[in-house]
Amino acid sequence: MQPTNQPSEDFCYRAVCSRDARFDGRFYAAVVTTGIYCRPLCPAVTPQRRHVRFYPCAAAAEEAGYRPCRRCRPDAAPGAPAWLGTTATVRRDGAPIPVAGEGLGLRLPVRTPYDWNSLIAFLAPRAIPGVEQVTPDSYRRSVLVDGAPHYIEVTFEPEPPRLVFCVRPPLTRGLIEVVERIKALFDADADPLPIDDHLRRDAGLARLVRARPGLRVPGAWDGFELGVRAILGQQISVAGATTLAGRLAQAFGARTPDETSGATRLFPTAERLAEADIAKIGLPGARARALSGFAREIAESCLSLSPAAPIEETRTRLLAIPGLGPWTVEYVALRALRDPDAFPAGDLGLRRALSVEGTLVSEKELRERSEAWRPWRAYAAMHLWTSLSSTVSRKKHARSS
């Protein structure tokens, strides 16, 4: 019997066809005709559907008689040297560029089409005052790298398509981590062609995909920060959540050394918020307790909200925190955990986006319809949210934070 948290076989095969690295470790694909099992991102030619079997772990595939592929090394656990390959592979992602003054710059290529305008339009109203600054042309923020404050700026060059980022002061350590965080925040590794091709098969989504080819799912610089933002955004407007996030940063975030940059605060750490009187920024008691509990869970345990965290286990642990419901957990999975299939079906904005003649789609109906969008439901959600921004004021949709 297939485990309850194991994706369906159709889901798995679509993921294998995409070779999207975000599915790595969630399942393994075994090929009947060769007797070999692989990771979803294996570069080998994709076998025909009828020749593929799926297993939840490498041990299960080997127990069934399959041997590991020598190209993708499915028997090496994520994070081990054999899984990571050489550091040279990571270093080739970016091309150094000159930066005025003291700083380091890199260019990061992205696959086309790349909808920078929609991504930056999503981030702009959610920019945390004092921490982030977003314009149509750039994203800026304060960050803590290797224990020291830095400032990053990201822009987009369309020809050839690439993200350009600079960090000041220049880094002596932690560059690879910064590159990976920027790529996650701007969804730089996604291949839009299989995603758009799959979603346009739905009649309701087809026009949205045509209008915004290459739409990306914004990630997060830091999973804890994104989780805090999601809790603050429960049942209030985007603008209201942004105001509260700014108050939180002002009250509990450390000052940056160069306040002329516009980023005057670092976002507060989990350790700081776990001990803080959060309610004093104007939060309702229940929300303040939920935020404190979340901060303590991050500060005191090994719970990780990075894209490398085990998705289903992390969902379960987040749901166990009082005050965090399914909507909050799915929003965190969508943006912080980078689950391309995350889908907050209870979101009022998503339900309104698919309403017909004023009749609101139920959560059950939305969930059932979204099954056809798997494994790219996070991108479907972004198309629906983005469609609302062009037709209805955001403040009317309280739970699309």
Protein backbone atom coordinates (compact mmCIF):
# COMPACT_ATOMS: atom_id res chain seq x y z
CA MET A 1 0.00 0.00 0.00
CA GLN A 2 1.28 3.47 -0.88
CA PRO A 3 2.05 5.64 2.17
CA THR A 4 -0.42 8.45 2.76
CA ASN A 5 2.24 11.11 2.21
CA GLN A 6 3.68 9.45 -0.89
CA PRO A 7 2.85 11.37 -4.10
CA SER A 8 0.71 9.67 -6.72
CA GLU A 9 2.44 7.93 -9.64
CA ASP A 10 1.17 10.56 -12.11
CA PHE A 11 2.63 13.26 -9.85
CA CYS A 12 5.95 11.43 -9.73
CA TYR A 13 6.21 10.90 -13.48
CA ARG A 14 5.49 14.57 -14.23
CA ALA A 15 8.21 15.50 -11.75
CA VAL A 16 10.67 13.10 -13.39
CA CYS A 17 9.94 14.63 -16.80
CA SER A 18 10.71 18.11 -15.43
CA ARG A 19 13.98 17.09 -13.69
CA ASP A 20 13.21 19.78 -11.12
CA ALA A 21 15.67 19.51 -8.22
CA ARG A 22 12.98 20.40 -5.68
CA PHE A 23 11.55 16.90 -5.96
CA ASP A 24 14.89 15.35 -5.07
CA GLY A 25 14.61 12.99 -2.10
CA ARG A 26 10.81 12.88 -2.13
CA PHE A 27 10.70 9.65 -4.16
CA TYR A 28 12.84 7.45 -6.41
CA ALA A 29 12.12 6.22 -9.93
CA ALA A 30 13.03 2.67 -10.95
CA VAL A 31 13.20 1.54 -14.58
CA VAL A 32 11.94 -1.99 -15.18
CA THR A 33 13.83 -2.49 -18.44
CA THR A 34 17.25 -1.58 -17.01
CA GLY A 35 16.91 -2.63 -13.37
CA ILE A 36 18.24 0.77 -12.28
CA TYR A 37 16.67 3.33 -9.91
CA CYS A 38 17.30 7.07 -10.05
CA ARG A 39 16.64 10.40 -8.40
CA PRO A 40 13.94 12.58 -10.05
CA LEU A 41 16.58 14.95 -11.43
CA CYS A 42 18.66 12.27 -13.18
CA PRO A 43 19.98 13.64 -16.53
CA ALA A 44 19.47 10.31 -18.31
CA VAL A 45 16.83 9.99 -21.02
CA THR A 46 13.37 9.83 -19.44
CA PRO A 47 11.93 6.30 -19.84
CA GLN A 48 8.40 5.63 -21.03
CA ARG A 49 5.76 5.77 -18.32
CA ARG A 50 4.91 2.07 -18.50
CA HIS A 51 8.50 1.12 -17.67
CA VAL A 52 8.76 3.17 -14.46
CA ARG A 53 7.99 2.23 -10.86
CA PHE A 54 8.20 4.62 -7.91
CA TYR A 55 9.49 4.09 -4.38
CA PRO A 56 9.47 6.35 -1.31
CA CYS A 57 13.14 5.72 -0.44
CA ALA A 58 16.33 4.25 -1.88
CA ALA A 59 16.15 1.27 0.47
CA ALA A 60 12.71 0.30 -0.87
CA ALA A 61 13.98 0.39 -4.46
CA GLU A 62 16.98 -1.76 -3.59
CA GLU A 63 14.79 -4.20 -1.66
CA ALA A 64 12.72 -4.56 -4.84
CA GLY A 65 15.86 -5.60 -6.71
CA TYR A 66 16.96 -2.38 -8.40
CA ARG A 67 20.54 -1.09 -8.37
CA PRO A 68 21.53 2.60 -8.07
CA CYS A 69 22.22 4.73 -11.12
CA ARG A 70 25.87 5.70 -11.48
CA ARG A 71 25.02 9.10 -12.95
CA CYS A 72 22.73 10.56 -10.28
CA ARG A 73 23.86 8.43 -7.30
CA PRO A 74 20.47 7.91 -5.58
CA ASP A 75 22.16 5.87 -2.84
CA ALA A 76 23.98 8.99 -1.59
CA ALA A 77 21.93 10.95 0.93
CA PRO A 78 21.27 14.65 0.16
CA GLY A 79 23.99 16.70 1.79
CA ALA A 80 26.72 14.06 1.48
CA PRO A 81 29.79 14.82 -0.71
CA ALA A 82 28.70 12.35 -3.39
CA TRP A 83 25.32 14.06 -3.57
CA LEU A 84 26.69 17.57 -3.73
CA GLY A 85 29.37 16.97 -6.34
CA THR A 86 32.31 19.36 -6.49
CA THR A 87 32.24 22.94 -5.28
CA ALA A 88 33.27 23.96 -8.79
CA THR A 89 29.76 23.11 -9.97
CA VAL A 90 28.32 25.69 -7.60
CA ARG A 91 30.93 28.28 -8.39
CA ARG A 92 30.14 28.15 -12.11
CA ASP A 93 26.59 29.38 -11.42
CA GLY A 94 27.71 32.99 -11.16
CA ALA A 95 29.98 35.23 -13.23
CA PRO A 96 31.78 37.95 -11.19
CA ILE A 97 31.12 41.56 -12.17
CA PRO A 98 32.71 44.83 -11.07
CA VAL A 99 30.89 46.77 -8.34
CA ALA A 100 31.38 50.45 -7.57
CA GLY A 101 32.90 50.95 -4.14
CA GLU A 102 33.48 48.04 -1.81
CA GLY A 103 31.35 45.09 -2.79
CA LEU A 104 31.02 41.86 -4.72
CA GLY A 105 28.78 41.29 -7.71
CA LEU A 106 27.63 38.20 -9.57
CA ARG A 107 25.39 37.40 -12.52
CA LEU A 108 23.10 34.36 -12.23
CA PRO A 109 21.51 33.00 -15.43
CA VAL A 110 17.81 32.10 -15.43
CA ARG A 111 15.71 30.05 -17.82
CA THR A 112 13.33 31.92 -20.10
CA PRO A 113 10.71 33.15 -20.09
CA TYR A 114 11.28 34.91 -16.76
CA ASP A 115 8.50 37.19 -15.46
CA TRP A 116 10.52 39.61 -13.34
CA ASN A 117 7.76 42.23 -13.30
CA SER A 118 5.14 39.98 -11.69
CA LEU A 119 7.61 38.63 -9.14
CA ILE A 120 8.78 42.05 -8.05
CA ALA A 121 5.16 43.29 -7.97
CA PHE A 122 4.37 40.47 -5.52
CA LEU A 123 7.33 41.28 -3.29
CA ALA A 124 6.82 45.07 -3.24
CA PRO A 125 3.74 45.34 -0.98
CA ARG A 126 5.23 42.69 1.33
CA ALA A 127 8.59 44.44 1.80
CA ILE A 128 9.32 44.75 5.53
CA PRO A 129 9.91 48.43 6.41
CA GLY A 130 13.45 48.98 7.63
CA VAL A 131 14.62 45.59 6.31
CA GLU A 132 13.62 45.45 2.62
CA GLN A 133 13.22 47.98 -0.19
CA VAL A 134 11.57 47.02 -3.46
CA THR A 135 11.25 49.11 -6.63
CA PRO A 136 10.15 48.00 -10.12
CA ASP A 137 13.84 47.60 -11.00
CA SER A 138 15.45 46.25 -7.85
CA TYR A 139 15.22 44.37 -4.57
CA ARG A 140 17.38 45.49 -1.62
CA ARG A 141 17.65 44.27 1.95
CA SER A 142 19.83 43.81 5.01
CA VAL A 143 21.11 40.30 5.74
CA LEU A 144 23.23 38.55 8.33
CA VAL A 145 25.98 36.39 6.79
CA ASP A 146 28.52 34.53 8.91
CA GLY A 147 27.54 36.65 11.92
CA ALA A 148 28.09 40.01 10.19
CA PRO A 149 25.53 42.44 8.65
CA HIS A 150 25.59 42.94 4.89
CA TYR A 151 23.41 44.55 2.23
CA ILE A 152 22.31 42.87 -0.97
CA GLU A 153 20.76 44.30 -4.12
CA VAL A 154 19.24 42.22 -6.92
CA THR A 155 18.29 43.47 -10.40
CA PHE A 156 17.39 41.79 -13.68
CA GLU A 157 19.04 41.93 -17.09
CA PRO A 158 16.75 40.66 -19.88
CA GLU A 159 19.41 40.10 -22.58
CA PRO A 160 20.78 37.58 -21.87
CA PRO A 161 18.32 36.84 -19.07
CA ARG A 162 20.04 36.84 -15.70
CA LEU A 163 19.80 38.10 -12.16
CA VAL A 164 22.51 40.52 -11.12
CA PHE A 165 23.26 40.85 -7.43
CA CYS A 166 25.80 42.71 -5.38
CA VAL A 167 26.63 42.36 -1.71
CA ARG A 168 28.29 44.98 0.47
CA PRO A 169 30.71 44.80 2.16
CA PRO A 170 32.34 41.99 0.14
CA LEU A 171 32.12 38.53 1.64
CA THR A 172 35.09 36.56 2.89
CA ARG A 173 32.90 33.53 3.66
CA GLY A 174 29.36 32.42 2.93
CA LEU A 175 29.15 33.32 -0.77
CA ILE A 176 27.68 29.96 -1.81
CA GLU A 177 24.97 30.29 0.85
CA VAL A 178 24.09 33.79 -0.36
CA VAL A 179 23.87 32.61 -3.98
CA GLU A 180 21.56 29.73 -3.02
CA ARG A 181 19.31 32.02 -0.97
CA ILE A 182 19.01 34.51 -3.82
CA LYS A 183 18.23 31.74 -6.30
CA ALA A 184 15.51 30.44 -3.96
CA LEU A 185 14.05 33.91 -3.37
CA PHE A 186 13.82 34.60 -7.10
CA ASP A 187 12.98 31.03 -8.18
CA ALA A 188 15.98 31.11 -10.47
CA ASP A 189 16.34 27.36 -10.99
CA ALA A 190 12.79 26.69 -12.20
CA ASP A 191 12.24 25.55 -15.77
CA PRO A 192 9.07 27.39 -16.85
CA LEU A 193 8.42 25.40 -20.03
CA PRO A 194 7.11 22.13 -18.50
CA ILE A 195 5.30 24.09 -15.78
CA ASP A 196 3.47 26.38 -18.22
CA ASP A 197 2.79 23.50 -20.60
CA HIS A 198 1.09 21.51 -17.86
CA LEU A 199 -0.97 24.35 -16.37
CA ARG A 200 -2.28 25.62 -19.70
CA ARG A 201 -4.13 22.33 -20.12
CA ASP A 202 -6.66 23.69 -17.63
CA ALA A 203 -9.13 25.94 -19.45
CA GLY A 204 -9.34 28.35 -16.52
CA LEU A 205 -5.58 28.71 -16.18
CA ALA A 206 -4.72 28.76 -19.89
CA ARG A 207 -5.45 32.46 -20.37
CA LEU A 208 -3.47 33.32 -17.22
CA VAL A 209 -0.44 31.35 -18.42
CA ARG A 210 -0.64 33.06 -21.83
CA ALA A 211 -0.77 36.46 -20.11
CA ARG A 212 2.24 35.78 -17.85
CA PRO A 213 4.55 33.14 -19.32
CA GLY A 214 7.43 32.28 -17.03
CA LEU A 215 5.66 33.36 -13.85
CA ARG A 216 7.77 32.44 -10.83
CA VAL A 217 6.92 31.57 -7.22
CA PRO A 218 8.72 34.05 -4.92
CA GLY A 219 10.71 32.27 -2.25
CA ALA A 220 12.16 33.69 0.95
CA TRP A 221 15.54 34.91 2.07
CA ASP A 222 14.98 33.20 5.42
CA GLY A 223 12.41 30.58 6.38
CA PHE A 224 11.89 31.87 9.90
CA GLU A 225 11.31 35.40 8.64
CA LEU A 226 8.77 34.11 6.12
CA GLY A 227 7.02 32.06 8.82
CA VAL A 228 6.73 35.13 11.04
CA ARG A 229 5.30 37.08 8.13
CA ALA A 230 2.74 34.32 7.45
CA ILE A 231 1.58 34.32 11.09
CA LEU A 232 1.30 38.11 11.11
CA GLY A 233 -0.76 37.89 7.91
CA GLN A 234 -3.41 35.55 9.31
CA GLN A 235 -6.84 37.04 8.54
CA ILE A 236 -5.62 40.58 7.87
CA SER A 237 -4.66 42.48 4.72
CA VAL A 238 -1.26 42.43 3.08
CA ALA A 239 -0.77 46.08 4.05
CA GLY A 240 -1.70 45.35 7.66
CA ALA A 241 0.74 42.44 7.87
CA THR A 242 3.50 44.59 6.36
CA THR A 243 2.93 47.29 8.96
CA LEU A 244 3.14 44.76 11.79
CA ALA A 245 6.31 43.22 10.34
CA GLY A 246 7.90 46.67 10.25
CA ARG A 247 6.97 47.28 13.88
CA LEU A 248 8.44 43.92 14.83
CA ALA A 249 11.73 44.71 13.07
CA GLN A 250 11.88 48.17 14.63
CA ALA A 251 11.20 46.88 18.13
CA PHE A 252 13.34 43.75 18.18
CA GLY A 253 15.73 43.81 15.21
CA ALA A 254 19.37 44.78 15.60
CA ARG A 255 20.45 48.07 14.06
CA THR A 256 22.56 47.98 10.91
CA PRO A 257 25.89 49.86 10.91
CA ASP A 258 25.09 51.93 7.80
CA GLU A 259 21.64 53.42 8.16
CA THR A 260 22.11 55.57 5.04
CA SER A 261 21.42 52.43 2.98
CA GLY A 262 17.72 52.56 3.92
CA ALA A 263 17.93 49.13 5.56
CA THR A 264 18.16 50.24 9.18
CA ARG A 265 17.37 46.92 10.85
CA LEU A 266 18.17 43.24 10.60
CA PHE A 267 15.12 41.01 10.94
CA PRO A 268 14.88 39.70 14.52
CA THR A 269 16.25 36.24 15.22
CA ALA A 270 14.15 33.38 16.56
CA GLU A 271 16.08 33.54 19.83
CA ARG A 272 15.23 37.23 20.24
CA LEU A 273 11.53 36.81 19.50
CA ALA A 274 11.21 33.72 21.69
CA GLU A 275 11.94 35.90 24.75
CA ALA A 276 10.32 39.16 23.58
CA ASP A 277 7.03 40.76 24.61
CA ILE A 278 5.66 40.54 21.08
CA ALA A 279 2.17 41.74 21.98
CA LYS A 280 3.46 45.26 22.54
CA ILE A 281 3.57 45.93 18.79
CA GLY A 282 -0.24 45.73 18.71
CA LEU A 283 -0.83 42.03 18.11
CA PRO A 284 -3.90 40.24 19.45
CA GLY A 285 -3.02 37.95 22.36
CA ALA A 286 -3.65 34.70 20.50
CA ARG A 287 -1.51 35.76 17.54
CA ALA A 288 1.30 36.93 19.84
CA ARG A 289 1.28 33.57 21.62
CA ALA A 290 1.37 31.72 18.28
CA LEU A 291 4.32 33.81 17.15
CA SER A 292 6.17 33.24 20.43
CA GLY A 293 5.55 29.51 20.22
CA PHE A 294 6.79 29.41 16.65
CA ALA A 295 9.94 31.34 17.58
CA ARG A 296 10.64 29.01 20.51
CA GLU A 297 10.22 25.95 18.28
CA ILE A 298 12.79 27.30 15.85
CA ALA A 299 15.16 28.55 18.56
CA GLU A 300 15.09 25.47 20.78
CA SER A 301 14.84 22.62 18.30
CA CYS A 302 16.43 21.49 15.08
CA LEU A 303 13.38 22.45 12.99
CA SER A 304 14.63 23.87 9.70
CA LEU A 305 12.60 25.96 7.26
CA SER A 306 15.15 25.86 4.45
CA PRO A 307 14.40 24.41 1.00
CA ALA A 308 16.47 21.37 2.00
CA ALA A 309 14.16 20.47 4.92
CA PRO A 310 12.02 17.29 4.64
CA ILE A 311 8.72 18.71 3.45
CA GLU A 312 6.14 16.36 4.98
CA GLU A 313 7.91 16.06 8.32
CA THR A 314 8.22 19.84 8.52
CA ARG A 315 4.54 20.29 7.70
CA THR A 316 3.60 17.94 10.53
CA ARG A 317 5.81 19.73 13.04
CA LEU A 318 4.50 23.16 12.04
CA LEU A 319 0.88 22.04 12.37
CA ALA A 320 1.64 20.90 15.92
CA ILE A 321 2.46 24.49 16.95
CA PRO A 322 -0.63 26.15 18.51
CA GLY A 323 -1.97 28.91 16.30
CA LEU A 324 -0.56 27.56 13.03
CA GLY A 325 -3.27 26.13 10.80
CA PRO A 326 -3.24 24.54 7.33
CA TRP A 327 -3.21 27.88 5.49
CA THR A 328 -0.13 29.16 7.32
CA VAL A 329 1.71 25.86 6.92
CA GLU A 330 0.98 25.64 3.18
CA TYR A 331 2.08 29.23 2.66
CA VAL A 332 5.36 28.48 4.43
CA ALA A 333 5.76 25.30 2.34
CA LEU A 334 5.08 27.25 -0.85
CA ARG A 335 7.60 30.04 -0.24
CA ALA A 336 10.14 28.91 2.38
CA LEU A 337 10.30 25.14 1.77
CA ARG A 338 10.03 25.72 -2.01
CA ASP A 339 7.49 22.92 -2.48
CA PRO A 340 6.29 23.39 -6.10
CA ASP A 341 3.08 21.52 -5.23
CA ALA A 342 2.16 23.44 -2.07
CA PHE A 343 -1.36 24.78 -2.25
CA PRO A 344 -3.30 26.69 0.46
CA ALA A 345 -6.75 25.57 -0.72
CA GLY A 346 -8.47 27.53 2.05
CA ASP A 347 -7.13 30.85 0.78
CA LEU A 348 -9.97 33.27 0.15
CA GLY A 349 -8.13 34.95 -2.71
CA LEU A 350 -7.68 31.67 -4.59
CA ARG A 351 -11.34 30.82 -4.14
CA ARG A 352 -12.42 34.25 -5.39
CA ALA A 353 -10.11 34.06 -8.39
CA LEU A 354 -12.08 31.05 -9.64
CA SER A 355 -15.52 32.30 -8.68
CA VAL A 356 -18.16 32.22 -11.41
CA GLU A 357 -20.76 34.98 -11.61
CA GLY A 358 -20.20 35.93 -8.01
CA THR A 359 -20.50 32.38 -6.67
CA LEU A 360 -17.54 31.62 -4.41
CA VAL A 361 -15.79 28.32 -5.07
CA SER A 362 -15.68 26.16 -1.95
CA GLU A 363 -12.42 24.93 -0.46
CA LYS A 364 -13.43 21.36 -1.29
CA GLU A 365 -14.15 22.25 -4.92
CA LEU A 366 -10.86 24.13 -5.23
CA ARG A 367 -8.89 21.25 -3.74
CA GLU A 368 -10.51 18.76 -6.12
CA ARG A 369 -9.89 20.95 -9.15
CA SER A 370 -6.27 21.51 -8.14
CA GLU A 371 -5.49 17.79 -8.39
CA ALA A 372 -5.13 18.22 -12.15
CA TRP A 373 -2.50 20.93 -11.61
CA ARG A 374 -0.11 18.68 -9.67
CA PRO A 375 2.85 18.75 -9.23
CA TRP A 376 2.83 22.50 -10.01
CA ARG A 377 0.02 23.76 -7.78
CA ALA A 378 2.22 26.48 -6.24
CA TYR A 379 2.56 28.03 -9.71
CA ALA A 380 -1.18 27.74 -10.26
CA ALA A 381 -1.69 29.60 -6.97
CA MET A 382 0.64 32.37 -8.14
CA HIS A 383 -1.25 32.72 -11.41
CA LEU A 384 -4.53 33.02 -9.52
CA TRP A 385 -3.17 35.52 -6.97
CA THR A 386 -1.55 37.57 -9.71
CA SER A 387 -4.79 37.65 -11.70
CA LEU A 388 -6.50 39.24 -8.71
CA SER A 389 -3.92 42.02 -8.45
CA SER A 390 -4.84 43.27 -11.90
CA THR A 391 -8.60 43.29 -11.32
CA VAL A 392 -9.35 43.73 -7.62
CA SER A 393 -7.67 45.72 -4.85
CA ARG A 394 -5.43 43.46 -2.77
CA LYS A 395 -6.79 44.74 0.50
CA LYS A 396 -10.05 42.89 -0.11
CA HIS A 397 -8.24 39.55 -0.04
CA ALA A 398 -7.18 39.14 3.55
CA ARG A 399 -5.45 35.78 3.31
CA SER A 400 -3.09 36.10 0.36
CA SER A 401 -0.21 37.35 2.51
